[in-house]
Amino acid sequence: MDRHDHWERVFTTKGERDVSWFETVPEVSIRLMEAAGLTADSCVLDVGGGNSRLVDVLSARGLDCLAVLDILDISEAALQQARSRFDNATTVPTWIVSDVTGDWSLKPMDIWHDRAVFHFLTEPRDRARYLSHMREVLKRHGTAIIATFAPDGPEKCSGLPVARYSPQSLSAELGDEFALVESVPYIHVTPWGAAQSFQYSRFTRVH
């Protein structure tokens, strides 16, 4: 089963609260964005956002430059669930469905946010494409916030293998163009009570 079929099956057979990554309020993500200088004029890309509630929170704060890029999940079902919440909204985010290894483009953004996409990229060529897109989209001095499973986190998620990172190993993977500003260890509790060890890292683009 390829990635598209895998994630389409997940989002068409499971409810919003039946997936391990569900969170009602993305508290850590918002705090890191605020530390990076988030304002109503900021442009934010939520990478692999699917039906995440992050864009709902940002829209409620008055941001109107928002994009959700399902570059790993490739699930139209996930994005349709999220789109439906904005049916009567004045400002509607940009929704993009594309694989991380495919072709997609977006105007320059201030903040690149990724909660648990990068750790699914176990092949070097996929990570290289991810970083190429991040360099194309993120503004100079922009912020990248990337959350992955920590070294003591799960070895698999939703039946797929993952790569686990410390803030230091993630920084080494991104390279000298992105300076590590801060990191936050975080224990995510799934809807069924399992604890998963994450790390959130905030980077500034310096070159």
C-alpha atoms as a PDB file:
ATOM      1  CA  MET A   1       0.000   0.000   0.000  1.00  0.00           C
ATOM      2  CA  ASP A   2       1.468   3.402  -0.973  1.00  0.00           C
ATOM      3  CA  ARG A   3       1.358   6.479   1.241  1.00  0.00           C
ATOM      4  CA  HIS A   4      -1.730   7.928  -0.422  1.00  0.00           C
ATOM      5  CA  ASP A   5      -3.740   4.734   0.062  1.00  0.00           C
ATOM      6  CA  HIS A   6      -2.496   4.334   3.627  1.00  0.00           C
ATOM      7  CA  TRP A   7      -3.492   7.811   4.809  1.00  0.00           C
ATOM      8  CA  GLU A   8      -6.730   7.922   2.848  1.00  0.00           C
ATOM      9  CA  ARG A   9      -7.734   4.700   4.586  1.00  0.00           C
ATOM     10  CA  VAL A  10      -6.815   6.143   7.994  1.00  0.00           C
ATOM     11  CA  PHE A  11      -8.879   9.324   7.545  1.00  0.00           C
ATOM     12  CA  THR A  12     -11.893   7.645   5.949  1.00  0.00           C
ATOM     13  CA  THR A  13     -12.176   4.890   8.585  1.00  0.00           C
ATOM     14  CA  LYS A  14     -11.310   6.808  11.761  1.00  0.00           C
ATOM     15  CA  GLY A  15     -12.997   9.731  13.484  1.00  0.00           C
ATOM     16  CA  GLU A  16     -11.183  12.902  14.463  1.00  0.00           C
ATOM     17  CA  ARG A  17     -10.603  11.640  18.007  1.00  0.00           C
ATOM     18  CA  ASP A  18      -9.672   8.121  16.903  1.00  0.00           C
ATOM     19  CA  VAL A  19      -6.157   9.013  15.728  1.00  0.00           C
ATOM     20  CA  SER A  20      -3.192   9.142  18.101  1.00  0.00           C
ATOM     21  CA  TRP A  21      -2.128  12.688  17.193  1.00  0.00           C
ATOM     22  CA  PHE A  22      -5.431  14.417  17.976  1.00  0.00           C
ATOM     23  CA  GLU A  23      -5.163  17.435  20.295  1.00  0.00           C
ATOM     24  CA  THR A  24      -7.952  19.850  21.120  1.00  0.00           C
ATOM     25  CA  VAL A  25      -5.692  22.894  21.468  1.00  0.00           C
ATOM     26  CA  PRO A  26      -2.158  23.015  19.973  1.00  0.00           C
ATOM     27  CA  GLU A  27      -0.737  24.753  23.034  1.00  0.00           C
ATOM     28  CA  VAL A  28       2.985  24.115  22.455  1.00  0.00           C
ATOM     29  CA  SER A  29       2.806  25.156  18.804  1.00  0.00           C
ATOM     30  CA  ILE A  30       1.062  28.422  19.677  1.00  0.00           C
ATOM     31  CA  ARG A  31       3.520  29.209  22.470  1.00  0.00           C
ATOM     32  CA  LEU A  32       6.490  28.708  20.162  1.00  0.00           C
ATOM     33  CA  MET A  33       4.862  30.858  17.478  1.00  0.00           C
ATOM     34  CA  GLU A  34       4.282  33.617  20.020  1.00  0.00           C
ATOM     35  CA  ALA A  35       7.928  33.394  21.071  1.00  0.00           C
ATOM     36  CA  ALA A  36       8.836  33.832  17.401  1.00  0.00           C
ATOM     37  CA  GLY A  37       6.822  37.073  17.206  1.00  0.00           C
ATOM     38  CA  LEU A  38       3.475  35.851  15.857  1.00  0.00           C
ATOM     39  CA  THR A  39       1.131  38.712  14.904  1.00  0.00           C
ATOM     40  CA  ALA A  40      -2.106  39.066  12.972  1.00  0.00           C
ATOM     41  CA  ASP A  41       0.024  39.935   9.920  1.00  0.00           C
ATOM     42  CA  SER A  42       2.107  36.738  10.053  1.00  0.00           C
ATOM     43  CA  CYS A  43       1.887  34.213   7.217  1.00  0.00           C
ATOM     44  CA  VAL A  44       1.819  30.650   8.558  1.00  0.00           C
ATOM     45  CA  LEU A  45       2.106  27.336   6.734  1.00  0.00           C
ATOM     46  CA  ASP A  46       0.933  24.245   8.623  1.00  0.00           C
ATOM     47  CA  VAL A  47       2.821  21.370   7.013  1.00  0.00           C
ATOM     48  CA  GLY A  48       0.924  18.097   6.997  1.00  0.00           C
ATOM     49  CA  GLY A  49      -1.905  19.816   8.842  1.00  0.00           C
ATOM     50  CA  GLY A  50      -4.679  17.523   7.652  1.00  0.00           C
ATOM     51  CA  ASN A  51      -7.629  18.231   9.922  1.00  0.00           C
ATOM     52  CA  SER A  52      -5.521  19.833  12.681  1.00  0.00           C
ATOM     53  CA  ARG A  53      -7.161  22.592  14.744  1.00  0.00           C
ATOM     54  CA  LEU A  54      -4.135  24.907  14.490  1.00  0.00           C
ATOM     55  CA  VAL A  55      -5.546  26.956  11.602  1.00  0.00           C
ATOM     56  CA  ASP A  56      -8.818  27.349  13.507  1.00  0.00           C
ATOM     57  CA  VAL A  57      -6.941  28.895  16.437  1.00  0.00           C
ATOM     58  CA  LEU A  58      -4.855  31.157  14.204  1.00  0.00           C
ATOM     59  CA  SER A  59      -7.884  32.282  12.194  1.00  0.00           C
ATOM     60  CA  ALA A  60      -9.712  33.127  15.424  1.00  0.00           C
ATOM     61  CA  ARG A  61      -6.744  35.341  16.331  1.00  0.00           C
ATOM     62  CA  GLY A  62      -7.257  37.367  13.161  1.00  0.00           C
ATOM     63  CA  LEU A  63      -4.605  35.843  10.874  1.00  0.00           C
ATOM     64  CA  ASP A  64      -5.738  35.755   7.265  1.00  0.00           C
ATOM     65  CA  CYS A  65      -2.508  34.537   5.621  1.00  0.00           C
ATOM     66  CA  LEU A  66      -2.793  30.832   6.379  1.00  0.00           C
ATOM     67  CA  ALA A  67      -2.052  27.694   4.394  1.00  0.00           C
ATOM     68  CA  VAL A  68      -2.478  24.000   5.162  1.00  0.00           C
ATOM     69  CA  LEU A  69      -0.234  21.692   3.178  1.00  0.00           C
ATOM     70  CA  ASP A  70      -0.953  17.991   3.438  1.00  0.00           C
ATOM     71  CA  ILE A  71       2.405  17.075   1.969  1.00  0.00           C
ATOM     72  CA  LEU A  72       2.736  13.705   3.676  1.00  0.00           C
ATOM     73  CA  ASP A  73      -0.738  12.459   4.470  1.00  0.00           C
ATOM     74  CA  ILE A  74      -1.962  13.175   0.926  1.00  0.00           C
ATOM     75  CA  SER A  75      -5.440  12.730   2.275  1.00  0.00           C
ATOM     76  CA  GLU A  76      -8.260  14.603   0.596  1.00  0.00           C
ATOM     77  CA  ALA A  77     -10.523  13.149   3.291  1.00  0.00           C
ATOM     78  CA  ALA A  78      -8.521  14.856   6.051  1.00  0.00           C
ATOM     79  CA  LEU A  79      -8.542  18.216   4.315  1.00  0.00           C
ATOM     80  CA  GLN A  80     -12.252  17.979   3.535  1.00  0.00           C
ATOM     81  CA  GLN A  81     -12.940  17.511   7.248  1.00  0.00           C
ATOM     82  CA  ALA A  82     -10.954  20.669   7.980  1.00  0.00           C
ATOM     83  CA  ARG A  83     -12.442  22.686   5.094  1.00  0.00           C
ATOM     84  CA  SER A  84     -15.946  22.009   6.347  1.00  0.00           C
ATOM     85  CA  ARG A  85     -15.186  23.963   9.524  1.00  0.00           C
ATOM     86  CA  PHE A  86     -14.568  27.090   7.407  1.00  0.00           C
ATOM     87  CA  ASP A  87     -17.679  26.873   5.223  1.00  0.00           C
ATOM     88  CA  ASN A  88     -19.093  30.120   6.648  1.00  0.00           C
ATOM     89  CA  ALA A  89     -15.828  31.825   7.581  1.00  0.00           C
ATOM     90  CA  THR A  90     -14.836  35.212   6.210  1.00  0.00           C
ATOM     91  CA  THR A  91     -11.235  34.124   5.737  1.00  0.00           C
ATOM     92  CA  VAL A  92     -10.515  30.654   4.363  1.00  0.00           C
ATOM     93  CA  PRO A  93      -6.993  29.150   4.474  1.00  0.00           C
ATOM     94  CA  THR A  94      -5.239  27.937   1.342  1.00  0.00           C
ATOM     95  CA  TRP A  95      -5.569  24.158   1.132  1.00  0.00           C
ATOM     96  CA  ILE A  96      -2.932  22.191  -0.794  1.00  0.00           C
ATOM     97  CA  VAL A  97      -2.775  18.417  -1.302  1.00  0.00           C
ATOM     98  CA  SER A  98       0.591  17.121  -2.511  1.00  0.00           C
ATOM     99  CA  ASP A  99       3.206  14.585  -1.550  1.00  0.00           C
ATOM    100  CA  VAL A 100       6.424  15.868   0.003  1.00  0.00           C
ATOM    101  CA  THR A 101       8.370  14.352  -2.877  1.00  0.00           C
ATOM    102  CA  GLY A 102       6.123  15.962  -5.490  1.00  0.00           C
ATOM    103  CA  ASP A 103       5.848  19.446  -6.930  1.00  0.00           C
ATOM    104  CA  TRP A 104       4.053  22.213  -5.055  1.00  0.00           C
ATOM    105  CA  SER A 105       4.649  25.884  -4.477  1.00  0.00           C
ATOM    106  CA  LEU A 106       3.531  28.669  -2.171  1.00  0.00           C
ATOM    107  CA  LYS A 107       4.349  32.319  -1.652  1.00  0.00           C
ATOM    108  CA  PRO A 108       6.999  33.155   0.992  1.00  0.00           C
ATOM    109  CA  MET A 109       5.817  32.514   4.560  1.00  0.00           C
ATOM    110  CA  ASP A 110       6.952  33.775   7.965  1.00  0.00           C
ATOM    111  CA  ILE A 111       6.410  30.550   9.892  1.00  0.00           C
ATOM    112  CA  TRP A 112       6.801  26.944   8.772  1.00  0.00           C
ATOM    113  CA  HIS A 113       5.013  24.674  11.267  1.00  0.00           C
ATOM    114  CA  ASP A 114       5.290  20.894  11.207  1.00  0.00           C
ATOM    115  CA  ARG A 115       3.836  18.739  13.942  1.00  0.00           C
ATOM    116  CA  ALA A 116       4.958  15.157  13.249  1.00  0.00           C
ATOM    117  CA  VAL A 117       5.538  15.035   9.494  1.00  0.00           C
ATOM    118  CA  PHE A 118       9.331  15.109   9.324  1.00  0.00           C
ATOM    119  CA  HIS A 119       9.745  11.996  11.456  1.00  0.00           C
ATOM    120  CA  PHE A 120       7.878   9.925   8.843  1.00  0.00           C
ATOM    121  CA  LEU A 121      10.577  10.718   6.274  1.00  0.00           C
ATOM    122  CA  THR A 122      12.882   7.759   6.771  1.00  0.00           C
ATOM    123  CA  GLU A 123      14.531   8.006   3.330  1.00  0.00           C
ATOM    124  CA  PRO A 124      17.305  10.598   2.744  1.00  0.00           C
ATOM    125  CA  ARG A 125      15.855  11.622  -0.630  1.00  0.00           C
ATOM    126  CA  ASP A 126      12.506  12.474   1.003  1.00  0.00           C
ATOM    127  CA  ARG A 127      14.196  14.575   3.677  1.00  0.00           C
ATOM    128  CA  ALA A 128      16.184  16.371   0.988  1.00  0.00           C
ATOM    129  CA  ARG A 129      12.984  17.289  -0.885  1.00  0.00           C
ATOM    130  CA  TYR A 130      11.367  18.471   2.361  1.00  0.00           C
ATOM    131  CA  LEU A 131      14.303  20.767   3.092  1.00  0.00           C
ATOM    132  CA  SER A 132      14.340  22.033  -0.481  1.00  0.00           C
ATOM    133  CA  HIS A 133      10.713  23.130  -0.143  1.00  0.00           C
ATOM    134  CA  MET A 134      11.384  24.703   3.252  1.00  0.00           C
ATOM    135  CA  ARG A 135      14.178  26.791   1.749  1.00  0.00           C
ATOM    136  CA  GLU A 136      11.906  27.859  -1.116  1.00  0.00           C
ATOM    137  CA  VAL A 137       8.969  28.862   1.099  1.00  0.00           C
ATOM    138  CA  LEU A 138      10.405  30.186   4.360  1.00  0.00           C
ATOM    139  CA  LYS A 139      11.438  33.836   4.372  1.00  0.00           C
ATOM    140  CA  ARG A 140      14.900  34.927   5.407  1.00  0.00           C
ATOM    141  CA  HIS A 141      14.907  35.188   9.210  1.00  0.00           C
ATOM    142  CA  GLY A 142      11.650  33.220   9.197  1.00  0.00           C
ATOM    143  CA  THR A 143      10.811  30.598  11.816  1.00  0.00           C
ATOM    144  CA  ALA A 144      10.573  26.832  11.430  1.00  0.00           C
ATOM    145  CA  ILE A 145       8.828  24.919  14.210  1.00  0.00           C
ATOM    146  CA  ILE A 146       9.252  21.170  13.846  1.00  0.00           C
ATOM    147  CA  ALA A 147       7.935  18.530  16.246  1.00  0.00           C
ATOM    148  CA  THR A 148       9.068  14.908  16.052  1.00  0.00           C
ATOM    149  CA  PHE A 149       9.115  11.850  18.231  1.00  0.00           C
ATOM    150  CA  ALA A 150      11.938  12.148  20.763  1.00  0.00           C
ATOM    151  CA  PRO A 151      14.667   9.479  21.075  1.00  0.00           C
ATOM    152  CA  ASP A 152      12.534   7.679  23.681  1.00  0.00           C
ATOM    153  CA  GLY A 153       9.357   8.042  21.615  1.00  0.00           C
ATOM    154  CA  PRO A 154       7.526   5.393  19.568  1.00  0.00           C
ATOM    155  CA  GLU A 155       9.346   3.598  16.766  1.00  0.00           C
ATOM    156  CA  LYS A 156       6.162   3.449  14.671  1.00  0.00           C
ATOM    157  CA  CYS A 157       3.062   5.587  14.194  1.00  0.00           C
ATOM    158  CA  SER A 158      -0.130   4.508  12.481  1.00  0.00           C
ATOM    159  CA  GLY A 159       1.667   1.347  11.401  1.00  0.00           C
ATOM    160  CA  LEU A 160       4.536   3.209   9.698  1.00  0.00           C
ATOM    161  CA  PRO A 161       8.185   3.394  10.830  1.00  0.00           C
ATOM    162  CA  VAL A 162       9.470   6.770  12.002  1.00  0.00           C
ATOM    163  CA  ALA A 163      12.825   8.430  12.625  1.00  0.00           C
ATOM    164  CA  ARG A 164      13.264   9.786  16.158  1.00  0.00           C
ATOM    165  CA  TYR A 165      15.212  12.972  16.895  1.00  0.00           C
ATOM    166  CA  SER A 166      16.738  14.982  19.683  1.00  0.00           C
ATOM    167  CA  PRO A 167      16.844  18.751  19.134  1.00  0.00           C
ATOM    168  CA  GLN A 168      20.553  18.414  18.357  1.00  0.00           C
ATOM    169  CA  SER A 169      20.165  15.610  15.814  1.00  0.00           C
ATOM    170  CA  LEU A 170      17.281  17.443  14.148  1.00  0.00           C
ATOM    171  CA  SER A 171      19.405  20.594  13.961  1.00  0.00           C
ATOM    172  CA  ALA A 172      22.210  18.600  12.333  1.00  0.00           C
ATOM    173  CA  GLU A 173      19.722  17.214   9.806  1.00  0.00           C
ATOM    174  CA  LEU A 174      18.498  20.716   8.847  1.00  0.00           C
ATOM    175  CA  GLY A 175      22.019  22.103   8.472  1.00  0.00           C
ATOM    176  CA  ASP A 176      23.722  25.425   9.166  1.00  0.00           C
ATOM    177  CA  GLU A 177      21.041  27.446   7.369  1.00  0.00           C
ATOM    178  CA  PHE A 178      18.685  26.948  10.321  1.00  0.00           C
ATOM    179  CA  ALA A 179      19.778  27.961  13.817  1.00  0.00           C
ATOM    180  CA  LEU A 180      18.229  26.161  16.797  1.00  0.00           C
ATOM    181  CA  VAL A 181      16.673  28.775  19.094  1.00  0.00           C
ATOM    182  CA  GLU A 182      14.858  26.642  21.643  1.00  0.00           C
ATOM    183  CA  SER A 183      13.462  23.173  22.194  1.00  0.00           C
ATOM    184  CA  VAL A 184      10.641  21.818  24.338  1.00  0.00           C
ATOM    185  CA  PRO A 185      10.241  18.214  25.517  1.00  0.00           C
ATOM    186  CA  TYR A 186       6.590  17.245  25.468  1.00  0.00           C
ATOM    187  CA  ILE A 187       4.547  14.197  26.432  1.00  0.00           C
ATOM    188  CA  HIS A 188       1.516  13.888  24.176  1.00  0.00           C
ATOM    189  CA  VAL A 189      -1.324  11.810  25.592  1.00  0.00           C
ATOM    190  CA  THR A 190      -3.382  10.088  22.915  1.00  0.00           C
ATOM    191  CA  PRO A 191      -7.203  10.036  23.089  1.00  0.00           C
ATOM    192  CA  TRP A 192      -6.967   6.527  24.599  1.00  0.00           C
ATOM    193  CA  GLY A 193      -4.440   7.523  27.276  1.00  0.00           C
ATOM    194  CA  ALA A 194      -1.096   6.370  25.854  1.00  0.00           C
ATOM    195  CA  ALA A 195       1.894   8.650  26.465  1.00  0.00           C
ATOM    196  CA  GLN A 196       4.163   9.584  23.538  1.00  0.00           C
ATOM    197  CA  SER A 197       7.450  11.434  23.946  1.00  0.00           C
ATOM    198  CA  PHE A 198       7.914  14.350  21.526  1.00  0.00           C
ATOM    199  CA  GLN A 199      10.390  17.162  21.107  1.00  0.00           C
ATOM    200  CA  TYR A 200       9.436  20.542  19.624  1.00  0.00           C
ATOM    201  CA  SER A 201      12.268  22.642  18.183  1.00  0.00           C
ATOM    202  CA  ARG A 202      12.173  26.254  16.993  1.00  0.00           C
ATOM    203  CA  PHE A 203      14.657  27.355  14.350  1.00  0.00           C
ATOM    204  CA  THR A 204      15.463  30.668  12.708  1.00  0.00           C
ATOM    205  CA  ARG A 205      16.564  30.778   9.076  1.00  0.00           C
ATOM    206  CA  VAL A 206      19.929  32.536   9.199  1.00  0.00           C
ATOM    207  CA  HIS A 207      21.217  32.373   5.593  1.00  0.00           C
END
